[in-house]
PDB file of N, CA and C in Angstrom:
ATOM      1  N   UNK A   1    -251.919  58.333  87.579  1.00  0.00           N
ATOM      2  CA  UNK A   1    -251.074  59.280  88.258  1.00  0.00           C
ATOM      3  C   UNK A   1    -250.215  58.518  89.269  1.00  0.00           C
ATOM      4  N   UNK A   2    -248.930  58.818  89.290  1.00  0.00           N
ATOM      5  CA  UNK A   2    -248.010  58.125  90.182  1.00  0.00           C
ATOM      6  C   UNK A   2    -247.964  58.843  91.521  1.00  0.00           C
ATOM      7  N   UNK A   3    -248.009  58.052  92.581  1.00  0.00           N
ATOM      8  CA  UNK A   3    -247.928  58.634  93.921  1.00  0.00           C
ATOM      9  C   UNK A   3    -246.480  58.877  94.298  1.00  0.00           C
ATOM     10  N   UNK A   4    -246.222  60.005  94.872  1.00  0.00           N
ATOM     11  CA  UNK A   4    -244.882  60.290  95.353  1.00  0.00           C
ATOM     12  C   UNK A   4    -244.716  59.683  96.736  1.00  0.00           C
ATOM     13  N   UNK A   5    -243.632  58.977  96.911  1.00  0.00           N
ATOM     14  CA  UNK A   5    -243.350  58.386  98.220  1.00  0.00           C
ATOM     15  C   UNK A   5    -242.765  59.457  99.120  1.00  0.00           C
ATOM     16  N   UNK A   6    -243.298  59.552 100.303  1.00  0.00           N
ATOM     17  CA  UNK A   6    -242.755  60.498 101.268  1.00  0.00           C
ATOM     18  C   UNK A   6    -242.137  59.705 102.407  1.00  0.00           C
ATOM     19  N   UNK A   7    -240.977  60.133 102.809  1.00  0.00           N
ATOM     20  CA  UNK A   7    -240.332  59.471 103.933  1.00  0.00           C
ATOM     21  C   UNK A   7    -240.975  59.971 105.213  1.00  0.00           C
ATOM     22  N   UNK A   8    -241.354  59.043 106.014  1.00  0.00           N
ATOM     23  CA  UNK A   8    -241.963  59.400 107.286  1.00  0.00           C
ATOM     24  C   UNK A   8    -241.075  58.857 108.390  1.00  0.00           C
ATOM     25  N   UNK A   9    -240.668  59.735 109.298  1.00  0.00           N
ATOM     26  CA  UNK A   9    -239.828  59.285 110.389  1.00  0.00           C
ATOM     27  C   UNK A   9    -240.650  58.424 111.329  1.00  0.00           C
ATOM     28  N   UNK A  10    -240.073  57.293 111.712  1.00  0.00           N
ATOM     29  CA  UNK A  10    -240.805  56.467 112.671  1.00  0.00           C
ATOM     30  C   UNK A  10    -240.895  57.190 114.004  1.00  0.00           C
ATOM     31  N   UNK A  11    -241.951  56.931 114.722  1.00  0.00           N
ATOM     32  CA  UNK A  11    -242.149  57.608 115.993  1.00  0.00           C
ATOM     33  C   UNK A  11    -241.475  56.890 117.137  1.00  0.00           C
ATOM     34  N   UNK A  12    -241.410  57.583 118.235  1.00  0.00           N
ATOM     35  CA  UNK A  12    -240.802  57.076 119.453  1.00  0.00           C
ATOM     36  C   UNK A  12    -241.858  57.140 120.545  1.00  0.00           C
ATOM     37  N   UNK A  13    -242.111  56.023 121.195  1.00  0.00           N
ATOM     38  CA  UNK A  13    -243.083  55.969 122.278  1.00  0.00           C
ATOM     39  C   UNK A  13    -242.346  56.132 123.602  1.00  0.00           C
ATOM     40  N   UNK A  14    -242.682  57.185 124.331  1.00  0.00           N
ATOM     41  CA  UNK A  14    -241.997  57.486 125.584  1.00  0.00           C
ATOM     42  C   UNK A  14    -242.987  57.352 126.731  1.00  0.00           C
ATOM     43  N   UNK A  15    -242.675  56.480 127.665  1.00  0.00           N
ATOM     44  CA  UNK A  15    -243.479  56.331 128.878  1.00  0.00           C
ATOM     45  C   UNK A  15    -242.857  57.233 129.936  1.00  0.00           C
ATOM     46  N   UNK A  16    -243.622  58.190 130.447  1.00  0.00           N
ATOM     47  CA  UNK A  16    -243.106  59.138 131.429  1.00  0.00           C
ATOM     48  C   UNK A  16    -243.784  58.876 132.769  1.00  0.00           C
ATOM     49  N   UNK A  17    -242.970  58.693 133.818  1.00  0.00           N
ATOM     50  CA  UNK A  17    -243.481  58.515 135.175  1.00  0.00           C
ATOM     51  C   UNK A  17    -243.131  59.767 135.972  1.00  0.00           C
ATOM     52  N   UNK A  18    -244.139  60.339 136.624  1.00  0.00           N
ATOM     53  CA  UNK A  18    -243.956  61.554 137.413  1.00  0.00           C
ATOM     54  C   UNK A  18    -243.952  61.202 138.898  1.00  0.00           C
ATOM     55  N   UNK A  19    -243.012  61.765 139.635  1.00  0.00           N
ATOM     56  CA  UNK A  19    -242.894  61.509 141.071  1.00  0.00           C
ATOM     57  C   UNK A  19    -243.052  62.826 141.831  1.00  0.00           C
ATOM     58  N   UNK A  20    -243.057  62.716 143.168  1.00  0.00           N
ATOM     59  CA  UNK A  20    -243.157  63.902 144.008  1.00  0.00           C
ATOM     60  C   UNK A  20    -244.468  64.632 143.780  1.00  0.00           C
ATOM     61  N   UNK A  21    -244.398  65.958 143.639  1.00  0.00           N
ATOM     62  CA  UNK A  21    -245.615  66.752 143.427  1.00  0.00           C
ATOM     63  C   UNK A  21    -245.990  66.878 141.952  1.00  0.00           C
ATOM     64  N   UNK A  22    -245.177  66.331 141.055  1.00  0.00           N
ATOM     65  CA  UNK A  22    -245.469  66.468 139.620  1.00  0.00           C
ATOM     66  C   UNK A  22    -246.816  65.866 139.204  1.00  0.00           C
ATOM     67  N   UNK A  23    -247.252  64.719 139.775  1.00  0.00           N
ATOM     68  CA  UNK A  23    -248.575  64.223 139.377  1.00  0.00           C
ATOM     69  C   UNK A  23    -249.702  65.220 139.623  1.00  0.00           C
ATOM     70  N   UNK A  24    -249.576  66.037 140.664  1.00  0.00           N
ATOM     71  CA  UNK A  24    -250.628  67.032 140.922  1.00  0.00           C
ATOM     72  C   UNK A  24    -250.616  68.128 139.865  1.00  0.00           C
ATOM     73  N   UNK A  25    -249.461  68.360 139.226  1.00  0.00           N
ATOM     74  CA  UNK A  25    -249.381  69.379 138.177  1.00  0.00           C
ATOM     75  C   UNK A  25    -249.879  68.864 136.826  1.00  0.00           C
ATOM     76  N   UNK A  26    -249.669  67.570 136.564  1.00  0.00           N
ATOM     77  CA  UNK A  26    -250.049  67.024 135.253  1.00  0.00           C
ATOM     78  C   UNK A  26    -251.334  66.204 135.307  1.00  0.00           C
ATOM     79  N   UNK A  27    -251.819  65.905 136.523  1.00  0.00           N
ATOM     80  CA  UNK A  27    -253.088  65.198 136.655  1.00  0.00           C
ATOM     81  C   UNK A  27    -252.992  63.691 136.584  1.00  0.00           C
ATOM     82  N   UNK A  28    -251.775  63.141 136.531  1.00  0.00           N
ATOM     83  CA  UNK A  28    -251.607  61.684 136.511  1.00  0.00           C
ATOM     84  C   UNK A  28    -250.171  61.327 136.855  1.00  0.00           C
ATOM     85  N   UNK A  29    -249.968  60.078 137.221  1.00  0.00           N
ATOM     86  CA  UNK A  29    -248.625  59.606 137.570  1.00  0.00           C
ATOM     87  C   UNK A  29    -247.831  59.149 136.353  1.00  0.00           C
ATOM     88  N   UNK A  30    -248.513  58.673 135.335  1.00  0.00           N
ATOM     89  CA  UNK A  30    -247.828  58.183 134.134  1.00  0.00           C
ATOM     90  C   UNK A  30    -248.575  58.649 132.899  1.00  0.00           C
ATOM     91  N   UNK A  31    -247.818  58.861 131.836  1.00  0.00           N
ATOM     92  CA  UNK A  31    -248.429  59.157 130.548  1.00  0.00           C
ATOM     93  C   UNK A  31    -247.512  58.668 129.442  1.00  0.00           C
ATOM     94  N   UNK A  32    -248.065  58.598 128.264  1.00  0.00           N
ATOM     95  CA  UNK A  32    -247.293  58.202 127.086  1.00  0.00           C
ATOM     96  C   UNK A  32    -247.221  59.387 126.141  1.00  0.00           C
ATOM     97  N   UNK A  33    -246.016  59.680 125.680  1.00  0.00           N
ATOM     98  CA  UNK A  33    -245.814  60.754 124.704  1.00  0.00           C
ATOM     99  C   UNK A  33    -245.235  60.134 123.443  1.00  0.00           C
ATOM    100  N   UNK A  34    -245.695  60.588 122.305  1.00  0.00           N
ATOM    101  CA  UNK A  34    -245.168  60.123 121.029  1.00  0.00           C
ATOM    102  C   UNK A  34    -244.385  61.249 120.385  1.00  0.00           C
ATOM    103  N   UNK A  35    -243.113  60.993 120.146  1.00  0.00           N
ATOM    104  CA  UNK A  35    -242.192  61.981 119.592  1.00  0.00           C
ATOM    105  C   UNK A  35    -241.522  61.399 118.357  1.00  0.00           C
ATOM    106  N   UNK A  36    -240.931  62.241 117.524  1.00  0.00           N
ATOM    107  CA  UNK A  36    -240.204  61.726 116.361  1.00  0.00           C
ATOM    108  C   UNK A  36    -238.934  60.992 116.802  1.00  0.00           C
ATOM    109  N   UNK A  37    -238.499  60.034 116.020  1.00  0.00           N
ATOM    110  CA  UNK A  37    -237.238  59.350 116.293  1.00  0.00           C
ATOM    111  C   UNK A  37    -236.118  60.367 116.389  1.00  0.00           C
ATOM    112  N   UNK A  38    -235.168  60.105 117.261  1.00  0.00           N
ATOM    113  CA  UNK A  38    -234.052  61.015 117.440  1.00  0.00           C
ATOM    114  C   UNK A  38    -234.331  62.133 118.419  1.00  0.00           C
ATOM    115  N   UNK A  39    -235.520  62.130 119.032  1.00  0.00           N
ATOM    116  CA  UNK A  39    -235.878  63.192 119.986  1.00  0.00           C
ATOM    117  C   UNK A  39    -234.967  63.133 121.211  1.00  0.00           C
ATOM    118  N   UNK A  40    -234.798  64.290 121.833  1.00  0.00           N
ATOM    119  CA  UNK A  40    -233.960  64.412 123.023  1.00  0.00           C
ATOM    120  C   UNK A  40    -234.823  64.617 124.268  1.00  0.00           C
ATOM    121  N   UNK A  41    -234.180  64.579 125.421  1.00  0.00           N
ATOM    122  CA  UNK A  41    -234.870  64.881 126.668  1.00  0.00           C
ATOM    123  C   UNK A  41    -235.439  66.305 126.609  1.00  0.00           C
ATOM    124  N   UNK A  42    -234.680  67.230 126.045  1.00  0.00           N
ATOM    125  CA  UNK A  42    -235.157  68.606 125.892  1.00  0.00           C
ATOM    126  C   UNK A  42    -236.420  68.682 125.044  1.00  0.00           C
ATOM    127  N   UNK A  43    -236.470  67.883 123.966  1.00  0.00           N
ATOM    128  CA  UNK A  43    -237.667  67.841 123.116  1.00  0.00           C
ATOM    129  C   UNK A  43    -238.868  67.337 123.907  1.00  0.00           C
ATOM    130  N   UNK A  44    -238.645  66.303 124.714  1.00  0.00           N
ATOM    131  CA  UNK A  44    -239.722  65.749 125.537  1.00  0.00           C
ATOM    132  C   UNK A  44    -240.232  66.786 126.524  1.00  0.00           C
ATOM    133  N   UNK A  45    -239.320  67.474 127.203  1.00  0.00           N
ATOM    134  CA  UNK A  45    -239.739  68.467 128.194  1.00  0.00           C
ATOM    135  C   UNK A  45    -240.442  69.652 127.548  1.00  0.00           C
ATOM    136  N   UNK A  46    -240.016  70.032 126.360  1.00  0.00           N
ATOM    137  CA  UNK A  46    -240.708  71.104 125.622  1.00  0.00           C
ATOM    138  C   UNK A  46    -242.130  70.664 125.286  1.00  0.00           C
ATOM    139  N   UNK A  47    -242.272  69.419 124.836  1.00  0.00           N
ATOM    140  CA  UNK A  47    -243.589  68.848 124.518  1.00  0.00           C
ATOM    141  C   UNK A  47    -244.482  68.855 125.770  1.00  0.00           C
ATOM    142  N   UNK A  48    -243.933  68.386 126.895  1.00  0.00           N
ATOM    143  CA  UNK A  48    -244.709  68.338 128.134  1.00  0.00           C
ATOM    144  C   UNK A  48    -245.063  69.738 128.635  1.00  0.00           C
ATOM    145  N   UNK A  49    -244.162  70.688 128.466  1.00  0.00           N
ATOM    146  CA  UNK A  49    -244.427  72.065 128.886  1.00  0.00           C
ATOM    147  C   UNK A  49    -245.563  72.683 128.092  1.00  0.00           C
ATOM    148  N   UNK A  50    -245.615  72.397 126.783  1.00  0.00           N
ATOM    149  CA  UNK A  50    -246.710  72.922 125.950  1.00  0.00           C
ATOM    150  C   UNK A  50    -248.046  72.360 126.400  1.00  0.00           C
ATOM    151  N   UNK A  51    -248.050  71.086 126.783  1.00  0.00           N
ATOM    152  CA  UNK A  51    -249.299  70.433 127.186  1.00  0.00           C
ATOM    153  C   UNK A  51    -249.744  70.863 128.586  1.00  0.00           C
ATOM    154  N   UNK A  52    -248.791  70.949 129.521  1.00  0.00           N
ATOM    155  CA  UNK A  52    -249.138  71.133 130.929  1.00  0.00           C
ATOM    156  C   UNK A  52    -248.934  72.544 131.449  1.00  0.00           C
ATOM    157  N   UNK A  53    -248.447  73.439 130.625  1.00  0.00           N
ATOM    158  CA  UNK A  53    -248.439  74.857 130.961  1.00  0.00           C
ATOM    159  C   UNK A  53    -247.347  75.344 131.900  1.00  0.00           C
ATOM    160  N   UNK A  54    -247.558  76.582 132.355  1.00  0.00           N
ATOM    161  CA  UNK A  54    -246.548  77.301 133.132  1.00  0.00           C
ATOM    162  C   UNK A  54    -246.230  76.665 134.474  1.00  0.00           C
ATOM    163  N   UNK A  55    -247.219  76.097 135.150  1.00  0.00           N
ATOM    164  CA  UNK A  55    -246.959  75.502 136.467  1.00  0.00           C
ATOM    165  C   UNK A  55    -245.947  74.364 136.335  1.00  0.00           C
ATOM    166  N   UNK A  56    -246.120  73.533 135.318  1.00  0.00           N
ATOM    167  CA  UNK A  56    -245.181  72.445 135.070  1.00  0.00           C
ATOM    168  C   UNK A  56    -243.814  73.000 134.673  1.00  0.00           C
ATOM    169  N   UNK A  57    -243.813  73.923 133.727  1.00  0.00           N
ATOM    170  CA  UNK A  57    -242.566  74.495 133.221  1.00  0.00           C
ATOM    171  C   UNK A  57    -241.764  75.145 134.346  1.00  0.00           C
ATOM    172  N   UNK A  58    -242.426  75.912 135.201  1.00  0.00           N
ATOM    173  CA  UNK A  58    -241.735  76.596 136.297  1.00  0.00           C
ATOM    174  C   UNK A  58    -241.201  75.624 137.339  1.00  0.00           C
ATOM    175  N   UNK A  59    -241.836  74.479 137.499  1.00  0.00           N
ATOM    176  CA  UNK A  59    -241.356  73.484 138.469  1.00  0.00           C
ATOM    177  C   UNK A  59    -240.146  72.723 137.924  1.00  0.00           C
ATOM    178  N   UNK A  60    -240.098  72.527 136.619  1.00  0.00           N
ATOM    179  CA  UNK A  60    -239.024  71.747 136.005  1.00  0.00           C
ATOM    180  C   UNK A  60    -237.812  72.619 135.672  1.00  0.00           C
ATOM    181  N   UNK A  61    -238.054  73.816 135.154  1.00  0.00           N
ATOM    182  CA  UNK A  61    -236.964  74.692 134.704  1.00  0.00           C
ATOM    183  C   UNK A  61    -236.807  75.900 135.623  1.00  0.00           C
ATOM    184  N   UNK A  62    -235.549  76.323 135.853  1.00  0.00           N
ATOM    185  CA  UNK A  62    -235.305  77.567 136.598  1.00  0.00           C
ATOM    186  C   UNK A  62    -235.037  78.714 135.629  1.00  0.00           C
ATOM    187  N   UNK A  63    -234.691  78.386 134.391  1.00  0.00           N
ATOM    188  CA  UNK A  63    -234.466  79.361 133.318  1.00  0.00           C
ATOM    189  C   UNK A  63    -234.647  78.585 132.011  1.00  0.00           C
ATOM    190  N   UNK A  64    -234.868  79.282 130.895  1.00  0.00           N
ATOM    191  CA  UNK A  64    -235.027  78.554 129.628  1.00  0.00           C
ATOM    192  C   UNK A  64    -233.831  77.632 129.360  1.00  0.00           C
ATOM    193  N   UNK A  65    -234.145  76.351 129.181  1.00  0.00           N
ATOM    194  CA  UNK A  65    -233.103  75.368 128.873  1.00  0.00           C
ATOM    195  C   UNK A  65    -232.248  74.939 130.049  1.00  0.00           C
ATOM    196  N   UNK A  66    -232.654  75.324 131.283  1.00  0.00           N
ATOM    197  CA  UNK A  66    -231.865  74.960 132.464  1.00  0.00           C
ATOM    198  C   UNK A  66    -232.786  74.342 133.511  1.00  0.00           C
ATOM    199  N   UNK A  67    -232.552  73.060 133.809  1.00  0.00           N
ATOM    200  CA  UNK A  67    -233.360  72.360 134.808  1.00  0.00           C
ATOM    201  C   UNK A  67    -233.079  72.903 136.202  1.00  0.00           C
ATOM    202  N   UNK A  68    -234.111  72.880 137.060  1.00  0.00           N
ATOM    203  CA  UNK A  68    -233.882  73.163 138.475  1.00  0.00           C
ATOM    204  C   UNK A  68    -232.884  72.134 138.988  1.00  0.00           C
ATOM    205  N   UNK A  69    -232.001  72.554 139.889  1.00  0.00           N
ATOM    206  CA  UNK A  69    -230.999  71.622 140.411  1.00  0.00           C
ATOM    207  C   UNK A  69    -231.636  70.497 141.225  1.00  0.00           C
ATOM    208  N   UNK A  70    -232.882  70.671 141.621  1.00  0.00           N
ATOM    209  CA  UNK A  70    -233.575  69.633 142.391  1.00  0.00           C
ATOM    210  C   UNK A  70    -234.324  68.633 141.502  1.00  0.00           C
ATOM    211  N   UNK A  71    -234.289  68.814 140.183  1.00  0.00           N
ATOM    212  CA  UNK A  71    -235.033  67.939 139.273  1.00  0.00           C
ATOM    213  C   UNK A  71    -234.105  66.852 138.737  1.00  0.00           C
ATOM    214  N   UNK A  72    -234.435  65.609 139.038  1.00  0.00           N
ATOM    215  CA  UNK A  72    -233.692  64.467 138.508  1.00  0.00           C
ATOM    216  C   UNK A  72    -234.523  63.823 137.416  1.00  0.00           C
ATOM    217  N   UNK A  73    -233.885  63.505 136.314  1.00  0.00           N
ATOM    218  CA  UNK A  73    -234.578  62.837 135.210  1.00  0.00           C
ATOM    219  C   UNK A  73    -233.749  61.634 134.795  1.00  0.00           C
ATOM    220  N   UNK A  74    -234.408  60.499 134.707  1.00  0.00           N
ATOM    221  CA  UNK A  74    -233.758  59.253 134.324  1.00  0.00           C
ATOM    222  C   UNK A  74    -234.366  58.746 133.026  1.00  0.00           C
ATOM    223  N   UNK A  75    -233.518  58.283 132.123  1.00  0.00           N
ATOM    224  CA  UNK A  75    -233.971  57.665 130.876  1.00  0.00           C
ATOM    225  C   UNK A  75    -233.496  56.225 130.909  1.00  0.00           C
ATOM    226  N   UNK A  76    -234.439  55.299 130.890  1.00  0.00           N
ATOM    227  CA  UNK A  76    -234.131  53.877 130.985  1.00  0.00           C
ATOM    228  C   UNK A  76    -233.187  53.585 132.142  1.00  0.00           C
ATOM    229  N   UNK A  77    -233.459  54.219 133.293  1.00  0.00           N
ATOM    230  CA  UNK A  77    -232.708  53.958 134.507  1.00  0.00           C
ATOM    231  C   UNK A  77    -231.405  54.714 134.665  1.00  0.00           C
ATOM    232  N   UNK A  78    -231.038  55.546 133.693  1.00  0.00           N
ATOM    233  CA  UNK A  78    -229.771  56.268 133.759  1.00  0.00           C
ATOM    234  C   UNK A  78    -230.029  57.763 133.882  1.00  0.00           C
ATOM    235  N   UNK A  79    -229.354  58.396 134.847  1.00  0.00           N
ATOM    236  CA  UNK A  79    -229.478  59.834 135.069  1.00  0.00           C
ATOM    237  C   UNK A  79    -229.046  60.566 133.800  1.00  0.00           C
ATOM    238  N   UNK A  80    -229.854  61.539 133.350  1.00  0.00           N
ATOM    239  CA  UNK A  80    -229.510  62.238 132.104  1.00  0.00           C
ATOM    240  C   UNK A  80    -228.216  63.025 132.223  1.00  0.00           C
ATOM    241  N   UNK A  81    -227.780  63.326 133.451  1.00  0.00           N
ATOM    242  CA  UNK A  81    -226.503  64.022 133.629  1.00  0.00           C
ATOM    243  C   UNK A  81    -225.353  63.185 133.083  1.00  0.00           C
ATOM    244  N   UNK A  82    -225.533  61.871 133.082  1.00  0.00           N
ATOM    245  CA  UNK A  82    -224.510  60.952 132.566  1.00  0.00           C
ATOM    246  C   UNK A  82    -224.643  60.753 131.051  1.00  0.00           C
ATOM    247  N   UNK A  83    -225.719  61.277 130.467  1.00  0.00           N
ATOM    248  CA  UNK A  83    -225.994  61.049 129.042  1.00  0.00           C
ATOM    249  C   UNK A  83    -226.014  62.326 128.214  1.00  0.00           C
ATOM    250  N   UNK A  84    -225.606  63.448 128.803  1.00  0.00           N
ATOM    251  CA  UNK A  84    -225.578  64.695 128.045  1.00  0.00           C
ATOM    252  C   UNK A  84    -226.659  65.683 128.414  1.00  0.00           C
ATOM    253  N   UNK A  85    -227.345  65.468 129.523  1.00  0.00           N
ATOM    254  CA  UNK A  85    -228.356  66.418 129.983  1.00  0.00           C
ATOM    255  C   UNK A  85    -229.548  66.508 129.049  1.00  0.00           C
ATOM    256  N   UNK A  86    -230.004  67.721 128.783  1.00  0.00           N
ATOM    257  CA  UNK A  86    -231.186  67.918 127.929  1.00  0.00           C
ATOM    258  C   UNK A  86    -230.945  67.469 126.494  1.00  0.00           C
ATOM    259  N   UNK A  87    -229.682  67.377 126.081  1.00  0.00           N
ATOM    260  CA  UNK A  87    -229.352  66.936 124.725  1.00  0.00           C
ATOM    261  C   UNK A  87    -229.319  65.417 124.601  1.00  0.00           C
ATOM    262  N   UNK A  88    -229.543  64.701 125.707  1.00  0.00           N
ATOM    263  CA  UNK A  88    -229.509  63.235 125.684  1.00  0.00           C
ATOM    264  C   UNK A  88    -230.592  62.700 124.756  1.00  0.00           C
ATOM    265  N   UNK A  89    -230.201  61.809 123.849  1.00  0.00           N
ATOM    266  CA  UNK A  89    -231.166  61.165 122.949  1.00  0.00           C
ATOM    267  C   UNK A  89    -232.032  60.206 123.752  1.00  0.00           C
ATOM    268  N   UNK A  90    -233.286  60.120 123.373  1.00  0.00           N
ATOM    269  CA  UNK A  90    -234.210  59.234 124.075  1.00  0.00           C
ATOM    270  C   UNK A  90    -234.107  57.789 123.614  1.00  0.00           C
ATOM    271  N   UNK A  91    -233.556  57.534 122.446  1.00  0.00           N
ATOM    272  CA  UNK A  91    -233.436  56.159 121.970  1.00  0.00           C
ATOM    273  C   UNK A  91    -234.154  55.977 120.652  1.00  0.00           C
ATOM    274  N   UNK A  92    -234.299  54.737 120.261  1.00  0.00           N
ATOM    275  CA  UNK A  92    -234.891  54.420 118.959  1.00  0.00           C
ATOM    276  C   UNK A  92    -236.241  53.735 119.043  1.00  0.00           C
ATOM    277  N   UNK A  93    -236.620  53.304 120.221  1.00  0.00           N
ATOM    278  CA  UNK A  93    -237.900  52.615 120.347  1.00  0.00           C
ATOM    279  C   UNK A  93    -238.546  53.046 121.650  1.00  0.00           C
ATOM    280  N   UNK A  94    -239.229  52.154 122.329  1.00  0.00           N
ATOM    281  CA  UNK A  94    -239.925  52.520 123.551  1.00  0.00           C
ATOM    282  C   UNK A  94    -238.926  52.894 124.632  1.00  0.00           C
ATOM    283  N   UNK A  95    -239.193  53.986 125.318  1.00  0.00           N
ATOM    284  CA  UNK A  95    -238.293  54.539 126.320  1.00  0.00           C
ATOM    285  C   UNK A  95    -239.087  54.838 127.583  1.00  0.00           C
ATOM    286  N   UNK A  96    -238.468  54.639 128.735  1.00  0.00           N
ATOM    287  CA  UNK A  96    -239.103  55.030 129.991  1.00  0.00           C
ATOM    288  C   UNK A  96    -238.337  56.203 130.578  1.00  0.00           C
ATOM    289  N   UNK A  97    -239.062  57.256 130.926  1.00  0.00           N
ATOM    290  CA  UNK A  97    -238.470  58.445 131.535  1.00  0.00           C
ATOM    291  C   UNK A  97    -239.115  58.633 132.903  1.00  0.00           C
ATOM    292  N   UNK A  98    -238.280  58.830 133.926  1.00  0.00           N
ATOM    293  CA  UNK A  98    -238.775  59.076 135.277  1.00  0.00           C
ATOM    294  C   UNK A  98    -238.342  60.480 135.679  1.00  0.00           C
ATOM    295  N   UNK A  99    -239.308  61.292 136.100  1.00  0.00           N
ATOM    296  CA  UNK A  99    -239.031  62.647 136.555  1.00  0.00           C
ATOM    297  C   UNK A  99    -239.254  62.703 138.056  1.00  0.00           C
ATOM    298  N   UNK A 100    -238.181  63.024 138.799  1.00  0.00           N
ATOM    299  CA  UNK A 100    -238.222  62.997 140.244  1.00  0.00           C
ATOM    300  C   UNK A 100    -237.701  64.303 140.824  1.00  0.00           C
ATOM    301  N   UNK A 101    -238.605  65.155 141.329  1.00  0.00           N
ATOM    302  CA  UNK A 101    -238.137  66.381 141.984  1.00  0.00           C
ATOM    303  C   UNK A 101    -237.648  66.030 143.383  1.00  0.00           C
ATOM    304  N   UNK A 102    -236.483  66.511 143.746  1.00  0.00           N
ATOM    305  CA  UNK A 102    -235.906  66.254 145.061  1.00  0.00           C
ATOM    306  C   UNK A 102    -236.226  67.421 145.983  1.00  0.00           C
ATOM    307  N   UNK A 103    -236.289  67.123 147.254  1.00  0.00           N
ATOM    308  CA  UNK A 103    -236.584  68.141 148.250  1.00  0.00           C
ATOM    309  C   UNK A 103    -235.395  68.278 149.173  1.00  0.00           C
ATOM    310  N   UNK A 104    -235.108  69.510 149.554  1.00  0.00           N
ATOM    311  CA  UNK A 104    -234.028  69.737 150.524  1.00  0.00           C
ATOM    312  C   UNK A 104    -234.564  69.530 151.931  1.00  0.00           C
ATOM    313  N   UNK A 105    -233.722  69.039 152.787  1.00  0.00           N
ATOM    314  CA  UNK A 105    -234.126  68.804 154.170  1.00  0.00           C
ATOM    315  C   UNK A 105    -233.361  69.716 155.110  1.00  0.00           C
ATOM    316  N   UNK A 106    -233.818  69.778 156.327  1.00  0.00           N
ATOM    317  CA  UNK A 106    -233.147  70.648 157.280  1.00  0.00           C
ATOM    318  C   UNK A 106    -232.875  69.988 158.576  1.00  0.00           C
TER     319      UNK A 106
END
């Protein structure tokens, strides 16, 4: 019997660093997420929201698909606002993502 070859998309290893109060929501400062190649920042945040629940989701998003204005996210050192926001591609290989919630001062 001949085996059928199936195309398997290579995975993407994403190192995520959490800053501010985010480590208290996810239980650690850094984690590794494995996503399919071609994944976006939005895909990563959806993945993290499923794992870490409503407290994480409510801190990161102010509405579905809309980041809180105080949430900064960097992919390989570049602000995602410069790369297309949530639609920004994560890359083709290992990627570092930094999530930094900003606080307003008075």
